């Protein structure tokens, strides 16, 4: 797992499709859903951590994009 698309595919395996309309909100909702899967022991720790790091990285990228638009 290396990209946001890979995390989306992981969530999709559990019937979770996230589309709110704004990419940063999608990422935040994916983080919540991923945590629920982990708490429910549907994904293992390594999978959770890999996906979590990807989502965190993508969230930072989106924040930077939004901040650049404001300046």
PDB file of N, CA and C in Angstrom:
ATOM      1  N   UNK A   1       0.853  -1.164   0.000  1.00  0.00           N
ATOM      2  CA  UNK A   1       0.000   0.000   0.000  1.00  0.00           C
ATOM      3  C   UNK A   1       0.904   1.234   0.000  1.00  0.00           C
ATOM      4  N   UNK A   2       0.690   2.092  -1.021  1.00  0.00           N
ATOM      5  CA  UNK A   2       1.571   3.242  -1.165  1.00  0.00           C
ATOM      6  C   UNK A   2       0.855   4.563  -1.412  1.00  0.00           C
ATOM      7  N   UNK A   3      -0.413   4.513  -1.772  1.00  0.00           N
ATOM      8  CA  UNK A   3      -1.076   5.746  -2.180  1.00  0.00           C
ATOM      9  C   UNK A   3      -2.477   5.847  -1.564  1.00  0.00           C
ATOM     10  N   UNK A   4      -3.056   7.033  -1.705  1.00  0.00           N
ATOM     11  CA  UNK A   4      -4.421   7.250  -1.237  1.00  0.00           C
ATOM     12  C   UNK A   4      -5.374   6.291  -1.945  1.00  0.00           C
ATOM     13  N   UNK A   5      -5.131   6.056  -3.211  1.00  0.00           N
ATOM     14  CA  UNK A   5      -5.955   5.112  -3.970  1.00  0.00           C
ATOM     15  C   UNK A   5      -5.925   3.725  -3.314  1.00  0.00           C
ATOM     16  N   UNK A   6      -4.757   3.298  -2.864  1.00  0.00           N
ATOM     17  CA  UNK A   6      -4.641   1.998  -2.199  1.00  0.00           C
ATOM     18  C   UNK A   6      -5.473   1.952  -0.918  1.00  0.00           C
ATOM     19  N   UNK A   7      -5.467   3.054  -0.169  1.00  0.00           N
ATOM     20  CA  UNK A   7      -6.286   3.116   1.052  1.00  0.00           C
ATOM     21  C   UNK A   7      -7.761   3.073   0.683  1.00  0.00           C
ATOM     22  N   UNK A   8      -8.142   3.771  -0.374  1.00  0.00           N
ATOM     23  CA  UNK A   8      -9.530   3.734  -0.837  1.00  0.00           C
ATOM     24  C   UNK A   8      -9.939   2.314  -1.198  1.00  0.00           C
ATOM     25  N   UNK A   9      -9.047   1.583  -1.831  1.00  0.00           N
ATOM     26  CA  UNK A   9      -9.342   0.194  -2.206  1.00  0.00           C
ATOM     27  C   UNK A   9      -9.472  -0.692  -0.977  1.00  0.00           C
ATOM     28  N   UNK A  10      -8.653  -0.445   0.041  1.00  0.00           N
ATOM     29  CA  UNK A  10      -8.759  -1.186   1.302  1.00  0.00           C
ATOM     30  C   UNK A  10     -10.143  -0.954   1.916  1.00  0.00           C
ATOM     31  N   UNK A  11     -10.547   0.301   2.007  1.00  0.00           N
ATOM     32  CA  UNK A  11     -11.855   0.616   2.579  1.00  0.00           C
ATOM     33  C   UNK A  11     -12.977   0.014   1.736  1.00  0.00           C
ATOM     34  N   UNK A  12     -12.804   0.043   0.436  1.00  0.00           N
ATOM     35  CA  UNK A  12     -13.816  -0.489  -0.478  1.00  0.00           C
ATOM     36  C   UNK A  12     -14.052  -1.983  -0.245  1.00  0.00           C
ATOM     37  N   UNK A  13     -13.002  -2.705   0.131  1.00  0.00           N
ATOM     38  CA  UNK A  13     -13.138  -4.138   0.425  1.00  0.00           C
ATOM     39  C   UNK A  13     -14.144  -4.382   1.544  1.00  0.00           C
ATOM     40  N   UNK A  14     -14.345  -3.373   2.407  1.00  0.00           N
ATOM     41  CA  UNK A  14     -15.283  -3.487   3.512  1.00  0.00           C
ATOM     42  C   UNK A  14     -16.590  -2.746   3.223  1.00  0.00           C
ATOM     43  N   UNK A  15     -16.775  -2.359   1.970  1.00  0.00           N
ATOM     44  CA  UNK A  15     -18.008  -1.694   1.574  1.00  0.00           C
ATOM     45  C   UNK A  15     -18.053  -0.221   1.925  1.00  0.00           C
ATOM     46  N   UNK A  16     -16.885   0.368   2.186  1.00  0.00           N
ATOM     47  CA  UNK A  16     -16.817   1.775   2.571  1.00  0.00           C
ATOM     48  C   UNK A  16     -16.319   2.594   1.389  1.00  0.00           C
ATOM     49  N   UNK A  17     -17.186   3.457   0.889  1.00  0.00           N
ATOM     50  CA  UNK A  17     -16.817   4.372  -0.189  1.00  0.00           C
ATOM     51  C   UNK A  17     -17.019   5.779   0.346  1.00  0.00           C
ATOM     52  N   UNK A  18     -15.951   6.569   0.317  1.00  0.00           N
ATOM     53  CA  UNK A  18     -15.986   7.907   0.896  1.00  0.00           C
ATOM     54  C   UNK A  18     -15.925   8.941  -0.217  1.00  0.00           C
ATOM     55  N   UNK A  19     -16.940   9.795  -0.242  1.00  0.00           N
ATOM     56  CA  UNK A  19     -16.902  10.962  -1.121  1.00  0.00           C
ATOM     57  C   UNK A  19     -17.768  12.046  -0.500  1.00  0.00           C
ATOM     58  N   UNK A  20     -17.121  13.039   0.059  1.00  0.00           N
ATOM     59  CA  UNK A  20     -17.823  14.154   0.682  1.00  0.00           C
ATOM     60  C   UNK A  20     -17.867  15.329  -0.285  1.00  0.00           C
ATOM     61  N   UNK A  21     -16.858  15.446  -1.116  1.00  0.00           N
ATOM     62  CA  UNK A  21     -16.841  16.519  -2.104  1.00  0.00           C
ATOM     63  C   UNK A  21     -15.603  17.381  -2.022  1.00  0.00           C
ATOM     64  N   UNK A  22     -14.966  17.380  -0.875  1.00  0.00           N
ATOM     65  CA  UNK A  22     -13.729  18.126  -0.707  1.00  0.00           C
ATOM     66  C   UNK A  22     -12.668  17.119  -0.268  1.00  0.00           C
ATOM     67  N   UNK A  23     -11.542  17.107  -0.959  1.00  0.00           N
ATOM     68  CA  UNK A  23     -10.542  16.049  -0.747  1.00  0.00           C
ATOM     69  C   UNK A  23     -10.087  15.954   0.700  1.00  0.00           C
ATOM     70  N   UNK A  24      -9.853  17.079   1.346  1.00  0.00           N
ATOM     71  CA  UNK A  24      -9.353  17.036   2.727  1.00  0.00           C
ATOM     72  C   UNK A  24     -10.396  16.420   3.659  1.00  0.00           C
ATOM     73  N   UNK A  25     -11.682  16.689   3.390  1.00  0.00           N
ATOM     74  CA  UNK A  25     -12.743  16.089   4.205  1.00  0.00           C
ATOM     75  C   UNK A  25     -12.840  14.592   3.936  1.00  0.00           C
ATOM     76  N   UNK A  26     -12.633  14.202   2.687  1.00  0.00           N
ATOM     77  CA  UNK A  26     -12.617  12.774   2.353  1.00  0.00           C
ATOM     78  C   UNK A  26     -11.530  12.052   3.148  1.00  0.00           C
ATOM     79  N   UNK A  27     -10.356  12.653   3.195  1.00  0.00           N
ATOM     80  CA  UNK A  27      -9.230  12.045   3.912  1.00  0.00           C
ATOM     81  C   UNK A  27      -9.549  11.925   5.396  1.00  0.00           C
ATOM     82  N   UNK A  28     -10.136  12.969   5.968  1.00  0.00           N
ATOM     83  CA  UNK A  28     -10.484  12.932   7.390  1.00  0.00           C
ATOM     84  C   UNK A  28     -11.514  11.846   7.681  1.00  0.00           C
ATOM     85  N   UNK A  29     -12.496  11.696   6.811  1.00  0.00           N
ATOM     86  CA  UNK A  29     -13.499  10.646   6.995  1.00  0.00           C
ATOM     87  C   UNK A  29     -12.880   9.260   6.814  1.00  0.00           C
ATOM     88  N   UNK A  30     -11.941   9.136   5.885  1.00  0.00           N
ATOM     89  CA  UNK A  30     -11.240   7.860   5.704  1.00  0.00           C
ATOM     90  C   UNK A  30     -10.459   7.493   6.962  1.00  0.00           C
ATOM     91  N   UNK A  31      -9.858   8.495   7.623  1.00  0.00           N
ATOM     92  CA  UNK A  31      -9.141   8.237   8.876  1.00  0.00           C
ATOM     93  C   UNK A  31     -10.092   7.681   9.939  1.00  0.00           C
ATOM     94  N   UNK A  32     -11.286   8.251  10.019  1.00  0.00           N
ATOM     95  CA  UNK A  32     -12.281   7.782  10.989  1.00  0.00           C
ATOM     96  C   UNK A  32     -12.705   6.348  10.669  1.00  0.00           C
ATOM     97  N   UNK A  33     -12.992   6.091   9.412  1.00  0.00           N
ATOM     98  CA  UNK A  33     -13.428   4.750   9.010  1.00  0.00           C
ATOM     99  C   UNK A  33     -12.320   3.716   9.215  1.00  0.00           C
ATOM    100  N   UNK A  34     -11.088   4.099   8.902  1.00  0.00           N
ATOM    101  CA  UNK A  34      -9.956   3.200   9.110  1.00  0.00           C
ATOM    102  C   UNK A  34      -9.822   2.844  10.585  1.00  0.00           C
ATOM    103  N   UNK A  35      -9.977   3.845  11.450  1.00  0.00           N
ATOM    104  CA  UNK A  35      -9.879   3.598  12.886  1.00  0.00           C
ATOM    105  C   UNK A  35     -10.972   2.630  13.352  1.00  0.00           C
ATOM    106  N   UNK A  36     -12.172   2.785  12.816  1.00  0.00           N
ATOM    107  CA  UNK A  36     -13.263   1.872  13.172  1.00  0.00           C
ATOM    108  C   UNK A  36     -12.950   0.440  12.747  1.00  0.00           C
ATOM    109  N   UNK A  37     -12.360   0.289  11.571  1.00  0.00           N
ATOM    110  CA  UNK A  37     -11.975  -1.056  11.117  1.00  0.00           C
ATOM    111  C   UNK A  37     -10.918  -1.653  12.029  1.00  0.00           C
ATOM    112  N   UNK A  38      -9.966  -0.826  12.435  1.00  0.00           N
ATOM    113  CA  UNK A  38      -8.903  -1.306  13.314  1.00  0.00           C
ATOM    114  C   UNK A  38      -9.461  -1.663  14.695  1.00  0.00           C
ATOM    115  N   UNK A  39     -10.295  -0.799  15.244  1.00  0.00           N
ATOM    116  CA  UNK A  39     -10.890  -1.073  16.555  1.00  0.00           C
ATOM    117  C   UNK A  39     -11.746  -2.331  16.524  1.00  0.00           C
ATOM    118  N   UNK A  40     -12.381  -2.595  15.391  1.00  0.00           N
ATOM    119  CA  UNK A  40     -13.189  -3.795  15.235  1.00  0.00           C
ATOM    120  C   UNK A  40     -12.369  -5.018  14.864  1.00  0.00           C
ATOM    121  N   UNK A  41     -11.051  -4.851  14.819  1.00  0.00           N
ATOM    122  CA  UNK A  41     -10.096  -5.925  14.506  1.00  0.00           C
ATOM    123  C   UNK A  41     -10.315  -6.534  13.123  1.00  0.00           C
ATOM    124  N   UNK A  42     -10.739  -5.684  12.192  1.00  0.00           N
ATOM    125  CA  UNK A  42     -10.930  -6.138  10.821  1.00  0.00           C
ATOM    126  C   UNK A  42      -9.672  -5.938   9.977  1.00  0.00           C
ATOM    127  N   UNK A  43      -8.780  -5.049  10.440  1.00  0.00           N
ATOM    128  CA  UNK A  43      -7.472  -4.893   9.798  1.00  0.00           C
ATOM    129  C   UNK A  43      -6.396  -5.028  10.870  1.00  0.00           C
ATOM    130  N   UNK A  44      -5.264  -5.577  10.484  1.00  0.00           N
ATOM    131  CA  UNK A  44      -4.188  -5.763  11.450  1.00  0.00           C
ATOM    132  C   UNK A  44      -3.420  -4.454  11.685  1.00  0.00           C
ATOM    133  N   UNK A  45      -2.557  -4.491  12.676  1.00  0.00           N
ATOM    134  CA  UNK A  45      -1.825  -3.293  13.091  1.00  0.00           C
ATOM    135  C   UNK A  45      -0.946  -2.742  11.968  1.00  0.00           C
ATOM    136  N   UNK A  46      -0.234  -3.599  11.264  1.00  0.00           N
ATOM    137  CA  UNK A  46       0.655  -3.131  10.195  1.00  0.00           C
ATOM    138  C   UNK A  46      -0.126  -2.459   9.072  1.00  0.00           C
ATOM    139  N   UNK A  47      -1.235  -3.056   8.685  1.00  0.00           N
ATOM    140  CA  UNK A  47      -2.084  -2.466   7.646  1.00  0.00           C
ATOM    141  C   UNK A  47      -2.626  -1.123   8.110  1.00  0.00           C
ATOM    142  N   UNK A  48      -3.091  -1.082   9.346  1.00  0.00           N
ATOM    143  CA  UNK A  48      -3.626   0.159   9.907  1.00  0.00           C
ATOM    144  C   UNK A  48      -2.570   1.263   9.889  1.00  0.00           C
ATOM    145  N   UNK A  49      -1.376   0.952  10.372  1.00  0.00           N
ATOM    146  CA  UNK A  49      -0.328   1.972  10.463  1.00  0.00           C
ATOM    147  C   UNK A  49       0.107   2.459   9.078  1.00  0.00           C
ATOM    148  N   UNK A  50       0.232   1.556   8.139  1.00  0.00           N
ATOM    149  CA  UNK A  50       0.608   1.945   6.780  1.00  0.00           C
ATOM    150  C   UNK A  50      -0.451   2.877   6.191  1.00  0.00           C
ATOM    151  N   UNK A  51      -1.703   2.493   6.294  1.00  0.00           N
ATOM    152  CA  UNK A  51      -2.787   3.313   5.762  1.00  0.00           C
ATOM    153  C   UNK A  51      -2.867   4.651   6.494  1.00  0.00           C
ATOM    154  N   UNK A  52      -2.689   4.634   7.807  1.00  0.00           N
ATOM    155  CA  UNK A  52      -2.757   5.850   8.605  1.00  0.00           C
ATOM    156  C   UNK A  52      -1.670   6.838   8.185  1.00  0.00           C
ATOM    157  N   UNK A  53      -0.454   6.336   7.964  1.00  0.00           N
ATOM    158  CA  UNK A  53       0.640   7.213   7.523  1.00  0.00           C
ATOM    159  C   UNK A  53       0.349   7.817   6.148  1.00  0.00           C
ATOM    160  N   UNK A  54      -0.212   7.029   5.273  1.00  0.00           N
ATOM    161  CA  UNK A  54      -0.574   7.541   3.939  1.00  0.00           C
ATOM    162  C   UNK A  54      -1.618   8.643   4.072  1.00  0.00           C
ATOM    163  N   UNK A  55      -2.640   8.408   4.879  1.00  0.00           N
ATOM    164  CA  UNK A  55      -3.690   9.414   5.060  1.00  0.00           C
ATOM    165  C   UNK A  55      -3.138  10.674   5.714  1.00  0.00           C
ATOM    166  N   UNK A  56      -2.254  10.507   6.665  1.00  0.00           N
ATOM    167  CA  UNK A  56      -1.639  11.666   7.320  1.00  0.00           C
ATOM    168  C   UNK A  56      -0.824  12.490   6.337  1.00  0.00           C
ATOM    169  N   UNK A  57      -0.049  11.801   5.497  1.00  0.00           N
ATOM    170  CA  UNK A  57       0.761  12.479   4.480  1.00  0.00           C
ATOM    171  C   UNK A  57      -0.132  13.237   3.496  1.00  0.00           C
ATOM    172  N   UNK A  58      -1.169  12.577   3.029  1.00  0.00           N
ATOM    173  CA  UNK A  58      -2.071  13.207   2.064  1.00  0.00           C
ATOM    174  C   UNK A  58      -2.810  14.388   2.686  1.00  0.00           C
ATOM    175  N   UNK A  59      -3.136  14.282   3.955  1.00  0.00           N
ATOM    176  CA  UNK A  59      -3.810  15.381   4.651  1.00  0.00           C
ATOM    177  C   UNK A  59      -2.891  16.601   4.713  1.00  0.00           C
ATOM    178  N   UNK A  60      -1.622  16.373   5.035  1.00  0.00           N
ATOM    179  CA  UNK A  60      -0.644  17.471   5.068  1.00  0.00           C
ATOM    180  C   UNK A  60      -0.510  18.128   3.700  1.00  0.00           C
ATOM    181  N   UNK A  61      -0.473  17.322   2.656  1.00  0.00           N
ATOM    182  CA  UNK A  61      -0.363  17.853   1.291  1.00  0.00           C
ATOM    183  C   UNK A  61      -1.562  18.741   0.976  1.00  0.00           C
ATOM    184  N   UNK A  62      -2.757  18.280   1.332  1.00  0.00           N
ATOM    185  CA  UNK A  62      -3.962  19.068   1.082  1.00  0.00           C
ATOM    186  C   UNK A  62      -3.971  20.360   1.889  1.00  0.00           C
ATOM    187  N   UNK A  63      -3.532  20.287   3.146  1.00  0.00           N
ATOM    188  CA  UNK A  63      -3.457  21.504   3.963  1.00  0.00           C
ATOM    189  C   UNK A  63      -2.520  22.520   3.319  1.00  0.00           C
ATOM    190  N   UNK A  64      -1.388  22.041   2.839  1.00  0.00           N
ATOM    191  CA  UNK A  64      -0.432  22.941   2.185  1.00  0.00           C
ATOM    192  C   UNK A  64      -1.022  23.572   0.925  1.00  0.00           C
ATOM    193  N   UNK A  65      -1.757  22.782   0.158  1.00  0.00           N
ATOM    194  CA  UNK A  65      -2.414  23.315  -1.050  1.00  0.00           C
ATOM    195  C   UNK A  65      -3.412  24.410  -0.691  1.00  0.00           C
ATOM    196  N   UNK A  66      -4.199  24.144   0.338  1.00  0.00           N
ATOM    197  CA  UNK A  66      -5.188  25.126   0.764  1.00  0.00           C
ATOM    198  C   UNK A  66      -4.533  26.403   1.285  1.00  0.00           C
ATOM    199  N   UNK A  67      -3.438  26.248   2.025  1.00  0.00           N
ATOM    200  CA  UNK A  67      -2.727  27.412   2.554  1.00  0.00           C
ATOM    201  C   UNK A  67      -2.102  28.230   1.433  1.00  0.00           C
ATOM    202  N   UNK A  68      -1.625  27.564   0.394  1.00  0.00           N
ATOM    203  CA  UNK A  68      -1.040  28.284  -0.749  1.00  0.00           C
ATOM    204  C   UNK A  68      -2.097  29.065  -1.503  1.00  0.00           C
ATOM    205  N   UNK A  69      -3.310  28.550  -1.556  1.00  0.00           N
ATOM    206  CA  UNK A  69      -4.398  29.263  -2.230  1.00  0.00           C
ATOM    207  C   UNK A  69      -4.743  30.549  -1.484  1.00  0.00           C
ATOM    208  N   UNK A  70      -4.580  30.533  -0.171  1.00  0.00           N
ATOM    209  CA  UNK A  70      -4.918  31.702   0.641  1.00  0.00           C
ATOM    210  C   UNK A  70      -3.870  32.809   0.558  1.00  0.00           C
ATOM    211  N   UNK A  71      -2.656  32.465   0.175  1.00  0.00           N
ATOM    212  CA  UNK A  71      -1.597  33.492   0.123  1.00  0.00           C
ATOM    213  C   UNK A  71      -1.359  33.992  -1.263  1.00  0.00           C
TER     214      UNK A  71
END
